[in-house]
PDB file of N, CA and C in Angstrom:
ATOM      1  N   MET A   1      -9.086  37.349 -10.127  1.00  0.00           N
ATOM      2  CA  MET A   1      -7.973  36.571 -10.608  1.00  0.00           C
ATOM      3  C   MET A   1      -8.345  35.092 -10.560  1.00  0.00           C
ATOM      4  N   VAL A   2      -8.084  34.390 -11.631  1.00  0.00           N
ATOM      5  CA  VAL A   2      -8.357  32.960 -11.720  1.00  0.00           C
ATOM      6  C   VAL A   2      -7.111  32.192 -11.289  1.00  0.00           C
ATOM      7  N   LYS A   3      -7.306  31.253 -10.384  1.00  0.00           N
ATOM      8  CA  LYS A   3      -6.196  30.424  -9.908  1.00  0.00           C
ATOM      9  C   LYS A   3      -6.237  29.081 -10.640  1.00  0.00           C
ATOM     10  N   VAL A   4      -5.179  28.813 -11.408  1.00  0.00           N
ATOM     11  CA  VAL A   4      -5.089  27.603 -12.212  1.00  0.00           C
ATOM     12  C   VAL A   4      -3.991  26.712 -11.646  1.00  0.00           C
ATOM     13  N   GLY A   5      -4.357  25.489 -11.304  1.00  0.00           N
ATOM     14  CA  GLY A   5      -3.379  24.521 -10.827  1.00  0.00           C
ATOM     15  C   GLY A   5      -3.040  23.532 -11.924  1.00  0.00           C
ATOM     16  N   PHE A   6      -1.781  23.175 -12.007  1.00  0.00           N
ATOM     17  CA  PHE A   6      -1.333  22.134 -12.926  1.00  0.00           C
ATOM     18  C   PHE A   6      -0.821  20.976 -12.090  1.00  0.00           C
ATOM     19  N   LEU A   7      -1.390  19.810 -12.294  1.00  0.00           N
ATOM     20  CA  LEU A   7      -0.983  18.605 -11.592  1.00  0.00           C
ATOM     21  C   LEU A   7      -0.301  17.701 -12.608  1.00  0.00           C
ATOM     22  N   LYS A   8       0.990  17.459 -12.405  1.00  0.00           N
ATOM     23  CA  LYS A   8       1.764  16.671 -13.363  1.00  0.00           C
ATOM     24  C   LYS A   8       2.206  15.363 -12.724  1.00  0.00           C
ATOM     25  N   LEU A   9       1.714  14.276 -13.290  1.00  0.00           N
ATOM     26  CA  LEU A   9       2.059  12.933 -12.829  1.00  0.00           C
ATOM     27  C   LEU A   9       2.791  12.228 -13.961  1.00  0.00           C
ATOM     28  N   GLY A  10       4.003  11.759 -13.711  1.00  0.00           N
ATOM     29  CA  GLY A  10       4.773  11.156 -14.780  1.00  0.00           C
ATOM     30  C   GLY A  10       5.109  12.214 -15.815  1.00  0.00           C
ATOM     31  N   CYS A  11       5.372  11.782 -17.041  1.00  0.00           N
ATOM     32  CA  CYS A  11       5.757  12.760 -18.067  1.00  0.00           C
ATOM     33  C   CYS A  11       5.196  12.384 -19.428  1.00  0.00           C
ATOM     34  N   ILE A  12       4.530  13.339 -20.033  1.00  0.00           N
ATOM     35  CA  ILE A  12       4.211  13.272 -21.456  1.00  0.00           C
ATOM     36  C   ILE A  12       4.805  14.535 -22.056  1.00  0.00           C
ATOM     37  N   GLY A  13       5.177  14.482 -23.309  1.00  0.00           N
ATOM     38  CA  GLY A  13       5.902  15.580 -23.937  1.00  0.00           C
ATOM     39  C   GLY A  13       5.254  16.943 -23.796  1.00  0.00           C
ATOM     40  N   SER A  14       3.948  17.030 -23.945  1.00  0.00           N
ATOM     41  CA  SER A  14       3.269  18.324 -23.885  1.00  0.00           C
ATOM     42  C   SER A  14       3.238  18.917 -22.487  1.00  0.00           C
ATOM     43  N   ALA A  15       3.439  18.106 -21.467  1.00  0.00           N
ATOM     44  CA  ALA A  15       3.333  18.582 -20.084  1.00  0.00           C
ATOM     45  C   ALA A  15       4.382  19.630 -19.745  1.00  0.00           C
ATOM     46  N   LEU A  16       5.498  19.594 -20.423  1.00  0.00           N
ATOM     47  CA  LEU A  16       6.600  20.493 -20.080  1.00  0.00           C
ATOM     48  C   LEU A  16       6.270  21.963 -20.299  1.00  0.00           C
ATOM     49  N   LEU A  17       5.384  22.266 -21.213  1.00  0.00           N
ATOM     50  CA  LEU A  17       5.130  23.662 -21.579  1.00  0.00           C
ATOM     51  C   LEU A  17       3.710  24.155 -21.325  1.00  0.00           C
ATOM     52  N   LEU A  18       2.829  23.313 -20.854  1.00  0.00           N
ATOM     53  CA  LEU A  18       1.413  23.694 -20.766  1.00  0.00           C
ATOM     54  C   LEU A  18       1.165  24.971 -19.979  1.00  0.00           C
ATOM     55  N   GLU A  19       1.745  25.094 -18.797  1.00  0.00           N
ATOM     56  CA  GLU A  19       1.463  26.273 -17.977  1.00  0.00           C
ATOM     57  C   GLU A  19       1.968  27.561 -18.622  1.00  0.00           C
ATOM     58  N   PHE A  20       3.010  27.453 -19.440  1.00  0.00           N
ATOM     59  CA  PHE A  20       3.552  28.649 -20.084  1.00  0.00           C
ATOM     60  C   PHE A  20       2.661  29.140 -21.222  1.00  0.00           C
ATOM     61  N   MET A  21       1.810  28.276 -21.746  1.00  0.00           N
ATOM     62  CA  MET A  21       0.878  28.697 -22.793  1.00  0.00           C
ATOM     63  C   MET A  21      -0.099  29.749 -22.272  1.00  0.00           C
ATOM     64  N   LEU A  22      -0.372  29.725 -20.980  1.00  0.00           N
ATOM     65  CA  LEU A  22      -1.315  30.680 -20.401  1.00  0.00           C
ATOM     66  C   LEU A  22      -0.685  32.045 -20.131  1.00  0.00           C
ATOM     67  N   ASP A  23       0.611  32.062 -19.856  1.00  0.00           N
ATOM     68  CA  ASP A  23       1.255  33.326 -19.465  1.00  0.00           C
ATOM     69  C   ASP A  23       2.767  33.233 -19.664  1.00  0.00           C
ATOM     70  N   GLU A  24       3.171  33.038 -20.901  1.00  0.00           N
ATOM     71  CA  GLU A  24       4.581  32.807 -21.224  1.00  0.00           C
ATOM     72  C   GLU A  24       5.508  33.890 -20.693  1.00  0.00           C
ATOM     73  N   ARG A  25       5.088  35.126 -20.767  1.00  0.00           N
ATOM     74  CA  ARG A  25       5.959  36.237 -20.367  1.00  0.00           C
ATOM     75  C   ARG A  25       5.658  36.758 -18.965  1.00  0.00           C
ATOM     76  N   ALA A  26       4.813  36.077 -18.246  1.00  0.00           N
ATOM     77  CA  ALA A  26       4.449  36.455 -16.870  1.00  0.00           C
ATOM     78  C   ALA A  26       3.911  37.880 -16.785  1.00  0.00           C
ATOM     79  N   GLU A  27       3.135  38.270 -17.797  1.00  0.00           N
ATOM     80  CA  GLU A  27       2.573  39.624 -17.842  1.00  0.00           C
ATOM     81  C   GLU A  27       1.093  39.676 -17.476  1.00  0.00           C
ATOM     82  N   ARG A  28       0.418  38.556 -17.527  1.00  0.00           N
ATOM     83  CA  ARG A  28      -1.020  38.566 -17.253  1.00  0.00           C
ATOM     84  C   ARG A  28      -1.272  38.820 -15.780  1.00  0.00           C
ATOM     85  N   GLU A  29      -2.250  39.657 -15.514  1.00  0.00           N
ATOM     86  CA  GLU A  29      -2.612  39.967 -14.138  1.00  0.00           C
ATOM     87  C   GLU A  29      -3.935  39.321 -13.737  1.00  0.00           C
ATOM     88  N   ASP A  30      -4.544  38.579 -14.680  1.00  0.00           N
ATOM     89  CA  ASP A  30      -5.846  37.976 -14.408  1.00  0.00           C
ATOM     90  C   ASP A  30      -5.771  36.495 -14.043  1.00  0.00           C
ATOM     91  N   ILE A  31      -4.559  35.921 -14.029  1.00  0.00           N
ATOM     92  CA  ILE A  31      -4.420  34.526 -13.615  1.00  0.00           C
ATOM     93  C   ILE A  31      -3.221  34.363 -12.688  1.00  0.00           C
ATOM     94  N   ASP A  32      -3.301  33.336 -11.867  1.00  0.00           N
ATOM     95  CA  ASP A  32      -2.188  32.927 -11.015  1.00  0.00           C
ATOM     96  C   ASP A  32      -2.061  31.423 -11.207  1.00  0.00           C
ATOM     97  N   VAL A  33      -0.865  30.953 -11.476  1.00  0.00           N
ATOM     98  CA  VAL A  33      -0.638  29.558 -11.829  1.00  0.00           C
ATOM     99  C   VAL A  33       0.317  28.905 -10.836  1.00  0.00           C
ATOM    100  N   ARG A  34       0.021  27.649 -10.467  1.00  0.00           N
ATOM    101  CA  ARG A  34       0.936  26.845  -9.658  1.00  0.00           C
ATOM    102  C   ARG A  34       1.037  25.464 -10.284  1.00  0.00           C
ATOM    103  N   VAL A  35       2.230  24.910 -10.224  1.00  0.00           N
ATOM    104  CA  VAL A  35       2.490  23.574 -10.750  1.00  0.00           C
ATOM    105  C   VAL A  35       2.930  22.674  -9.608  1.00  0.00           C
ATOM    106  N   VAL A  36       2.291  21.523  -9.505  1.00  0.00           N
ATOM    107  CA  VAL A  36       2.681  20.507  -8.527  1.00  0.00           C
ATOM    108  C   VAL A  36       2.901  19.219  -9.310  1.00  0.00           C
ATOM    109  N   GLY A  37       4.031  18.590  -9.082  1.00  0.00           N
ATOM    110  CA  GLY A  37       4.331  17.374  -9.823  1.00  0.00           C
ATOM    111  C   GLY A  37       4.821  16.250  -8.944  1.00  0.00           C
ATOM    112  N   ALA A  38       4.774  15.059  -9.505  1.00  0.00           N
ATOM    113  CA  ALA A  38       5.252  13.864  -8.816  1.00  0.00           C
ATOM    114  C   ALA A  38       6.506  13.325  -9.489  1.00  0.00           C
ATOM    115  N   GLY A  39       7.154  14.151 -10.306  1.00  0.00           N
ATOM    116  CA  GLY A  39       8.330  13.666 -11.019  1.00  0.00           C
ATOM    117  C   GLY A  39       7.936  12.582 -12.001  1.00  0.00           C
ATOM    118  N   ALA A  40       8.801  11.603 -12.155  1.00  0.00           N
ATOM    119  CA  ALA A  40       8.551  10.530 -13.116  1.00  0.00           C
ATOM    120  C   ALA A  40       7.498   9.534 -12.641  1.00  0.00           C
ATOM    121  N   LYS A  41       7.182   9.555 -11.375  1.00  0.00           N
ATOM    122  CA  LYS A  41       6.251   8.577 -10.800  1.00  0.00           C
ATOM    123  C   LYS A  41       4.796   8.979 -11.025  1.00  0.00           C
ATOM    124  N   LEU A  42       3.944   7.989 -11.188  1.00  0.00           N
ATOM    125  CA  LEU A  42       2.512   8.261 -11.266  1.00  0.00           C
ATOM    126  C   LEU A  42       1.714   7.176 -10.562  1.00  0.00           C
ATOM    127  N   GLY A  43       2.294   6.622  -9.510  1.00  0.00           N
ATOM    128  CA  GLY A  43       1.592   5.631  -8.697  1.00  0.00           C
ATOM    129  C   GLY A  43       0.526   6.283  -7.840  1.00  0.00           C
ATOM    130  N   THR A  44      -0.278   5.463  -7.211  1.00  0.00           N
ATOM    131  CA  THR A  44      -1.384   5.962  -6.399  1.00  0.00           C
ATOM    132  C   THR A  44      -0.894   6.849  -5.257  1.00  0.00           C
ATOM    133  N   GLU A  45       0.154   6.432  -4.578  1.00  0.00           N
ATOM    134  CA  GLU A  45       0.670   7.212  -3.449  1.00  0.00           C
ATOM    135  C   GLU A  45       1.174   8.587  -3.898  1.00  0.00           C
ATOM    136  N   GLN A  46       1.944   8.612  -4.971  1.00  0.00           N
ATOM    137  CA  GLN A  46       2.463   9.886  -5.472  1.00  0.00           C
ATOM    138  C   GLN A  46       1.338  10.780  -5.986  1.00  0.00           C
ATOM    139  N   ALA A  47       0.369  10.185  -6.666  1.00  0.00           N
ATOM    140  CA  ALA A  47      -0.753  10.949  -7.210  1.00  0.00           C
ATOM    141  C   ALA A  47      -1.593  11.563  -6.102  1.00  0.00           C
ATOM    142  N   GLU A  48      -1.834  10.797  -5.057  1.00  0.00           N
ATOM    143  CA  GLU A  48      -2.625  11.306  -3.939  1.00  0.00           C
ATOM    144  C   GLU A  48      -1.912  12.477  -3.266  1.00  0.00           C
ATOM    145  N   GLU A  49      -0.622  12.329  -3.012  1.00  0.00           N
ATOM    146  CA  GLU A  49       0.137  13.406  -2.371  1.00  0.00           C
ATOM    147  C   GLU A  49       0.151  14.665  -3.238  1.00  0.00           C
ATOM    148  N   ALA A  50       0.405  14.505  -4.531  1.00  0.00           N
ATOM    149  CA  ALA A  50       0.457  15.661  -5.422  1.00  0.00           C
ATOM    150  C   ALA A  50      -0.906  16.341  -5.528  1.00  0.00           C
ATOM    151  N   ALA A  51      -1.982  15.561  -5.597  1.00  0.00           N
ATOM    152  CA  ALA A  51      -3.328  16.142  -5.682  1.00  0.00           C
ATOM    153  C   ALA A  51      -3.644  16.956  -4.433  1.00  0.00           C
ATOM    154  N   ARG A  52      -3.290  16.440  -3.285  1.00  0.00           N
ATOM    155  CA  ARG A  52      -3.544  17.181  -2.035  1.00  0.00           C
ATOM    156  C   ARG A  52      -2.719  18.470  -1.984  1.00  0.00           C
ATOM    157  N   ARG A  53      -1.526  18.409  -2.515  1.00  0.00           N
ATOM    158  CA  ARG A  53      -0.683  19.621  -2.522  1.00  0.00           C
ATOM    159  C   ARG A  53      -1.219  20.692  -3.465  1.00  0.00           C
ATOM    160  N   VAL A  54      -1.721  20.287  -4.624  1.00  0.00           N
ATOM    161  CA  VAL A  54      -2.263  21.298  -5.533  1.00  0.00           C
ATOM    162  C   VAL A  54      -3.507  21.937  -4.923  1.00  0.00           C
ATOM    163  N   LEU A  55      -4.252  21.193  -4.109  1.00  0.00           N
ATOM    164  CA  LEU A  55      -5.437  21.752  -3.452  1.00  0.00           C
ATOM    165  C   LEU A  55      -5.076  22.828  -2.429  1.00  0.00           C
ATOM    166  N   GLU A  56      -3.870  22.774  -1.875  1.00  0.00           N
ATOM    167  CA  GLU A  56      -3.428  23.798  -0.920  1.00  0.00           C
ATOM    168  C   GLU A  56      -3.406  25.185  -1.561  1.00  0.00           C
ATOM    169  N   PHE A  57      -3.225  25.241  -2.867  1.00  0.00           N
ATOM    170  CA  PHE A  57      -3.214  26.492  -3.627  1.00  0.00           C
ATOM    171  C   PHE A  57      -4.630  27.058  -3.790  1.00  0.00           C
ATOM    172  N   LYS A  58      -5.646  26.239  -3.554  1.00  0.00           N
ATOM    173  CA  LYS A  58      -7.053  26.607  -3.724  1.00  0.00           C
ATOM    174  C   LYS A  58      -7.366  27.041  -5.169  1.00  0.00           C
ATOM    175  N   PRO A  59      -7.051  26.164  -6.132  1.00  0.00           N
ATOM    176  CA  PRO A  59      -7.289  26.515  -7.536  1.00  0.00           C
ATOM    177  C   PRO A  59      -8.773  26.505  -7.884  1.00  0.00           C
ATOM    178  N   GLN A  60      -9.111  27.251  -8.927  1.00  0.00           N
ATOM    179  CA  GLN A  60     -10.478  27.244  -9.433  1.00  0.00           C
ATOM    180  C   GLN A  60     -10.646  26.204 -10.531  1.00  0.00           C
ATOM    181  N   ILE A  61      -9.531  25.760 -11.097  1.00  0.00           N
ATOM    182  CA  ILE A  61      -9.502  24.688 -12.095  1.00  0.00           C
ATOM    183  C   ILE A  61      -8.132  24.036 -12.023  1.00  0.00           C
ATOM    184  N   VAL A  62      -8.087  22.738 -12.332  1.00  0.00           N
ATOM    185  CA  VAL A  62      -6.813  22.017 -12.378  1.00  0.00           C
ATOM    186  C   VAL A  62      -6.677  21.345 -13.738  1.00  0.00           C
ATOM    187  N   ILE A  63      -5.511  21.507 -14.341  1.00  0.00           N
ATOM    188  CA  ILE A  63      -5.144  20.789 -15.553  1.00  0.00           C
ATOM    189  C   ILE A  63      -4.266  19.632 -15.088  1.00  0.00           C
ATOM    190  N   ALA A  64      -4.726  18.402 -15.280  1.00  0.00           N
ATOM    191  CA  ALA A  64      -4.000  17.222 -14.806  1.00  0.00           C
ATOM    192  C   ALA A  64      -3.370  16.494 -15.983  1.00  0.00           C
ATOM    193  N   THR A  65      -2.042  16.384 -15.979  1.00  0.00           N
ATOM    194  CA  THR A  65      -1.345  15.709 -17.067  1.00  0.00           C
ATOM    195  C   THR A  65      -0.734  14.404 -16.574  1.00  0.00           C
ATOM    196  N   SER A  66      -0.798  13.393 -17.426  1.00  0.00           N
ATOM    197  CA  SER A  66      -0.152  12.114 -17.130  1.00  0.00           C
ATOM    198  C   SER A  66      -0.197  11.241 -18.371  1.00  0.00           C
ATOM    199  N   PRO A  67       0.771  10.329 -18.478  1.00  0.00           N
ATOM    200  CA  PRO A  67       0.595   9.293 -19.487  1.00  0.00           C
ATOM    201  C   PRO A  67      -0.519   8.364 -19.008  1.00  0.00           C
ATOM    202  N   ASN A  68      -1.243   7.799 -19.909  1.00  0.00           N
ATOM    203  CA  ASN A  68      -2.298   6.825 -19.618  1.00  0.00           C
ATOM    204  C   ASN A  68      -3.156   7.202 -18.413  1.00  0.00           C
ATOM    205  N   ALA A  69      -4.047   8.115 -18.623  1.00  0.00           N
ATOM    206  CA  ALA A  69      -4.932   8.605 -17.557  1.00  0.00           C
ATOM    207  C   ALA A  69      -5.838   7.520 -16.982  1.00  0.00           C
ATOM    208  N   ALA A  70      -5.858   6.338 -17.596  1.00  0.00           N
ATOM    209  CA  ALA A  70      -6.682   5.239 -17.088  1.00  0.00           C
ATOM    210  C   ALA A  70      -6.006   4.485 -15.943  1.00  0.00           C
ATOM    211  N   LEU A  71      -4.739   4.767 -15.671  1.00  0.00           N
ATOM    212  CA  LEU A  71      -4.011   4.075 -14.600  1.00  0.00           C
ATOM    213  C   LEU A  71      -4.540   4.477 -13.222  1.00  0.00           C
ATOM    214  N   PRO A  72      -4.317   3.634 -12.210  1.00  0.00           N
ATOM    215  CA  PRO A  72      -4.835   3.917 -10.867  1.00  0.00           C
ATOM    216  C   PRO A  72      -4.362   5.242 -10.261  1.00  0.00           C
ATOM    217  N   GLY A  73      -3.114   5.627 -10.465  1.00  0.00           N
ATOM    218  CA  GLY A  73      -2.613   6.877  -9.882  1.00  0.00           C
ATOM    219  C   GLY A  73      -3.360   8.102 -10.387  1.00  0.00           C
ATOM    220  N   PRO A  74      -3.393   8.316 -11.706  1.00  0.00           N
ATOM    221  CA  PRO A  74      -4.148   9.456 -12.226  1.00  0.00           C
ATOM    222  C   PRO A  74      -5.631   9.420 -11.847  1.00  0.00           C
ATOM    223  N   LYS A  75      -6.227   8.227 -11.816  1.00  0.00           N
ATOM    224  CA  LYS A  75      -7.635   8.120 -11.410  1.00  0.00           C
ATOM    225  C   LYS A  75      -7.818   8.584  -9.970  1.00  0.00           C
ATOM    226  N   LYS A  76      -6.904   8.192  -9.087  1.00  0.00           N
ATOM    227  CA  LYS A  76      -6.986   8.587  -7.682  1.00  0.00           C
ATOM    228  C   LYS A  76      -6.889  10.102  -7.549  1.00  0.00           C
ATOM    229  N   ALA A  77      -5.969  10.709  -8.291  1.00  0.00           N
ATOM    230  CA  ALA A  77      -5.821  12.164  -8.238  1.00  0.00           C
ATOM    231  C   ALA A  77      -7.115  12.849  -8.669  1.00  0.00           C
ATOM    232  N   ARG A  78      -7.739  12.365  -9.732  1.00  0.00           N
ATOM    233  CA  ARG A  78      -8.999  12.960 -10.197  1.00  0.00           C
ATOM    234  C   ARG A  78     -10.094  12.818  -9.153  1.00  0.00           C
ATOM    235  N   GLU A  79     -10.145  11.670  -8.494  1.00  0.00           N
ATOM    236  CA  GLU A  79     -11.150  11.460  -7.446  1.00  0.00           C
ATOM    237  C   GLU A  79     -11.000  12.494  -6.331  1.00  0.00           C
ATOM    238  N   ILE A  80      -9.767  12.757  -5.934  1.00  0.00           N
ATOM    239  CA  ILE A  80      -9.499  13.726  -4.863  1.00  0.00           C
ATOM    240  C   ILE A  80      -9.922  15.124  -5.296  1.00  0.00           C
ATOM    241  N   LEU A  81      -9.584  15.498  -6.514  1.00  0.00           N
ATOM    242  CA  LEU A  81      -9.936  16.829  -7.012  1.00  0.00           C
ATOM    243  C   LEU A  81     -11.449  16.972  -7.174  1.00  0.00           C
ATOM    244  N   LYS A  82     -12.094  15.929  -7.679  1.00  0.00           N
ATOM    245  CA  LYS A  82     -13.551  15.974  -7.844  1.00  0.00           C
ATOM    246  C   LYS A  82     -14.242  16.101  -6.492  1.00  0.00           C
ATOM    247  N   ALA A  83     -13.767  15.353  -5.497  1.00  0.00           N
ATOM    248  CA  ALA A  83     -14.352  15.419  -4.155  1.00  0.00           C
ATOM    249  C   ALA A  83     -14.222  16.814  -3.559  1.00  0.00           C
ATOM    250  N   ALA A  84     -13.192  17.550  -3.984  1.00  0.00           N
ATOM    251  CA  ALA A  84     -12.986  18.919  -3.508  1.00  0.00           C
ATOM    252  C   ALA A  84     -13.799  19.928  -4.317  1.00  0.00           C
ATOM    253  N   GLY A  85     -14.508  19.452  -5.351  1.00  0.00           N
ATOM    254  CA  GLY A  85     -15.344  20.333  -6.158  1.00  0.00           C
ATOM    255  C   GLY A  85     -14.583  21.157  -7.185  1.00  0.00           C
ATOM    256  N   ILE A  86     -13.396  20.704  -7.553  1.00  0.00           N
ATOM    257  CA  ILE A  86     -12.560  21.448  -8.498  1.00  0.00           C
ATOM    258  C   ILE A  86     -12.770  20.901  -9.911  1.00  0.00           C
ATOM    259  N   PRO A  87     -13.088  21.754 -10.886  1.00  0.00           N
ATOM    260  CA  PRO A  87     -13.155  21.292 -12.274  1.00  0.00           C
ATOM    261  C   PRO A  87     -11.766  20.838 -12.736  1.00  0.00           C
ATOM    262  N   VAL A  88     -11.740  19.768 -13.531  1.00  0.00           N
ATOM    263  CA  VAL A  88     -10.477  19.186 -13.979  1.00  0.00           C
ATOM    264  C   VAL A  88     -10.515  18.972 -15.487  1.00  0.00           C
ATOM    265  N   VAL A  89      -9.409  19.329 -16.147  1.00  0.00           N
ATOM    266  CA  VAL A  89      -9.190  18.987 -17.545  1.00  0.00           C
ATOM    267  C   VAL A  89      -8.000  18.036 -17.567  1.00  0.00           C
ATOM    268  N   VAL A  90      -8.189  16.865 -18.148  1.00  0.00           N
ATOM    269  CA  VAL A  90      -7.152  15.843 -18.228  1.00  0.00           C
ATOM    270  C   VAL A  90      -6.420  15.980 -19.557  1.00  0.00           C
ATOM    271  N   VAL A  91      -5.096  16.009 -19.501  1.00  0.00           N
ATOM    272  CA  VAL A  91      -4.267  16.001 -20.704  1.00  0.00           C
ATOM    273  C   VAL A  91      -3.461  14.711 -20.656  1.00  0.00           C
ATOM    274  N   SER A  92      -3.667  13.847 -21.659  1.00  0.00           N
ATOM    275  CA  SER A  92      -3.004  12.550 -21.637  1.00  0.00           C
ATOM    276  C   SER A  92      -2.684  12.102 -23.059  1.00  0.00           C
ATOM    277  N   ASP A  93      -2.236  10.848 -23.177  1.00  0.00           N
ATOM    278  CA  ASP A  93      -1.820  10.309 -24.464  1.00  0.00           C
ATOM    279  C   ASP A  93      -2.766   9.195 -24.929  1.00  0.00           C
ATOM    280  N   SER A  94      -2.433   8.558 -26.031  1.00  0.00           N
ATOM    281  CA  SER A  94      -3.316   7.571 -26.670  1.00  0.00           C
ATOM    282  C   SER A  94      -3.874   6.486 -25.759  1.00  0.00           C
ATOM    283  N   PRO A  95      -3.086   5.879 -24.863  1.00  0.00           N
ATOM    284  CA  PRO A  95      -3.680   4.841 -24.015  1.00  0.00           C
ATOM    285  C   PRO A  95      -4.876   5.334 -23.187  1.00  0.00           C
ATOM    286  N   ALA A  96      -4.974   6.633 -22.968  1.00  0.00           N
ATOM    287  CA  ALA A  96      -6.090   7.181 -22.189  1.00  0.00           C
ATOM    288  C   ALA A  96      -7.410   7.143 -22.956  1.00  0.00           C
ATOM    289  N   LYS A  97      -7.350   6.869 -24.258  1.00  0.00           N
ATOM    290  CA  LYS A  97      -8.587   6.812 -25.043  1.00  0.00           C
ATOM    291  C   LYS A  97      -9.572   5.791 -24.486  1.00  0.00           C
ATOM    292  N   LYS A  98      -9.048   4.747 -23.840  1.00  0.00           N
ATOM    293  CA  LYS A  98      -9.947   3.731 -23.286  1.00  0.00           C
ATOM    294  C   LYS A  98     -10.740   4.247 -22.088  1.00  0.00           C
ATOM    295  N   SER A  99     -10.361   5.399 -21.558  1.00  0.00           N
ATOM    296  CA  SER A  99     -11.080   5.948 -20.403  1.00  0.00           C
ATOM    297  C   SER A  99     -11.946   7.155 -20.759  1.00  0.00           C
ATOM    298  N   VAL A 100     -12.095   7.458 -22.040  1.00  0.00           N
ATOM    299  CA  VAL A 100     -12.859   8.635 -22.463  1.00  0.00           C
ATOM    300  C   VAL A 100     -14.293   8.604 -21.942  1.00  0.00           C
ATOM    301  N   GLN A 101     -14.959   7.477 -22.067  1.00  0.00           N
ATOM    302  CA  GLN A 101     -16.351   7.391 -21.609  1.00  0.00           C
ATOM    303  C   GLN A 101     -16.432   7.647 -20.101  1.00  0.00           C
ATOM    304  N   GLU A 102     -15.508   7.081 -19.353  1.00  0.00           N
ATOM    305  CA  GLU A 102     -15.481   7.288 -17.900  1.00  0.00           C
ATOM    306  C   GLU A 102     -15.219   8.759 -17.567  1.00  0.00           C
ATOM    307  N   LEU A 103     -14.290   9.384 -18.279  1.00  0.00           N
ATOM    308  CA  LEU A 103     -14.004  10.805 -18.045  1.00  0.00           C
ATOM    309  C   LEU A 103     -15.253  11.644 -18.283  1.00  0.00           C
ATOM    310  N   GLU A 104     -15.938  11.371 -19.379  1.00  0.00           N
ATOM    311  CA  GLU A 104     -17.154  12.122 -19.705  1.00  0.00           C
ATOM    312  C   GLU A 104     -18.244  11.909 -18.657  1.00  0.00           C
ATOM    313  N   GLN A 105     -18.440  10.665 -18.242  1.00  0.00           N
ATOM    314  CA  GLN A 105     -19.476  10.359 -17.251  1.00  0.00           C
ATOM    315  C   GLN A 105     -19.207  11.051 -15.919  1.00  0.00           C
ATOM    316  N   GLN A 106     -17.932  11.230 -15.582  1.00  0.00           N
ATOM    317  CA  GLN A 106     -17.582  11.856 -14.310  1.00  0.00           C
ATOM    318  C   GLN A 106     -17.451  13.372 -14.410  1.00  0.00           C
ATOM    319  N   GLY A 107     -17.667  13.911 -15.610  1.00  0.00           N
ATOM    320  CA  GLY A 107     -17.681  15.358 -15.770  1.00  0.00           C
ATOM    321  C   GLY A 107     -16.322  16.008 -15.966  1.00  0.00           C
ATOM    322  N   PHE A 108     -15.317  15.224 -16.350  1.00  0.00           N
ATOM    323  CA  PHE A 108     -13.990  15.786 -16.593  1.00  0.00           C
ATOM    324  C   PHE A 108     -13.851  16.192 -18.052  1.00  0.00           C
ATOM    325  N   GLY A 109     -13.173  17.307 -18.279  1.00  0.00           N
ATOM    326  CA  GLY A 109     -12.780  17.657 -19.629  1.00  0.00           C
ATOM    327  C   GLY A 109     -11.524  16.876 -19.963  1.00  0.00           C
ATOM    328  N   TYR A 110     -11.191  16.787 -21.239  1.00  0.00           N
ATOM    329  CA  TYR A 110      -9.977  16.053 -21.585  1.00  0.00           C
ATOM    330  C   TYR A 110      -9.425  16.488 -22.934  1.00  0.00           C
ATOM    331  N   ILE A 111      -8.114  16.338 -23.067  1.00  0.00           N
ATOM    332  CA  ILE A 111      -7.391  16.517 -24.327  1.00  0.00           C
ATOM    333  C   ILE A 111      -6.497  15.294 -24.452  1.00  0.00           C
ATOM    334  N   ILE A 112      -6.739  14.494 -25.475  1.00  0.00           N
ATOM    335  CA  ILE A 112      -5.943  13.277 -25.663  1.00  0.00           C
ATOM    336  C   ILE A 112      -5.307  13.322 -27.039  1.00  0.00           C
TER     337      ILE A 112
END
């Protein structure tokens, strides 16, 4: 069974439904999904706390959503997940385009 964590910082429109795309009817037996969010906030403190909480689930991959992934909060969350050895896919919006090169250099996947 693959354990997929969703880390939601702040809100972008697509974040509301992402986890349901994997198992909308809760019928799949090959994945287990957990969502940890920081509500509307995406500051460094909230991002750090949420990242540590998603790690408690021991995911094999984390999908991290936030507006503007270049901000300090989302960056801090990625640092924590990377240090734990967890692959991360970033889902963000247009302002995150300025961080694409950094995401690639650090080995993160992304959807912008």
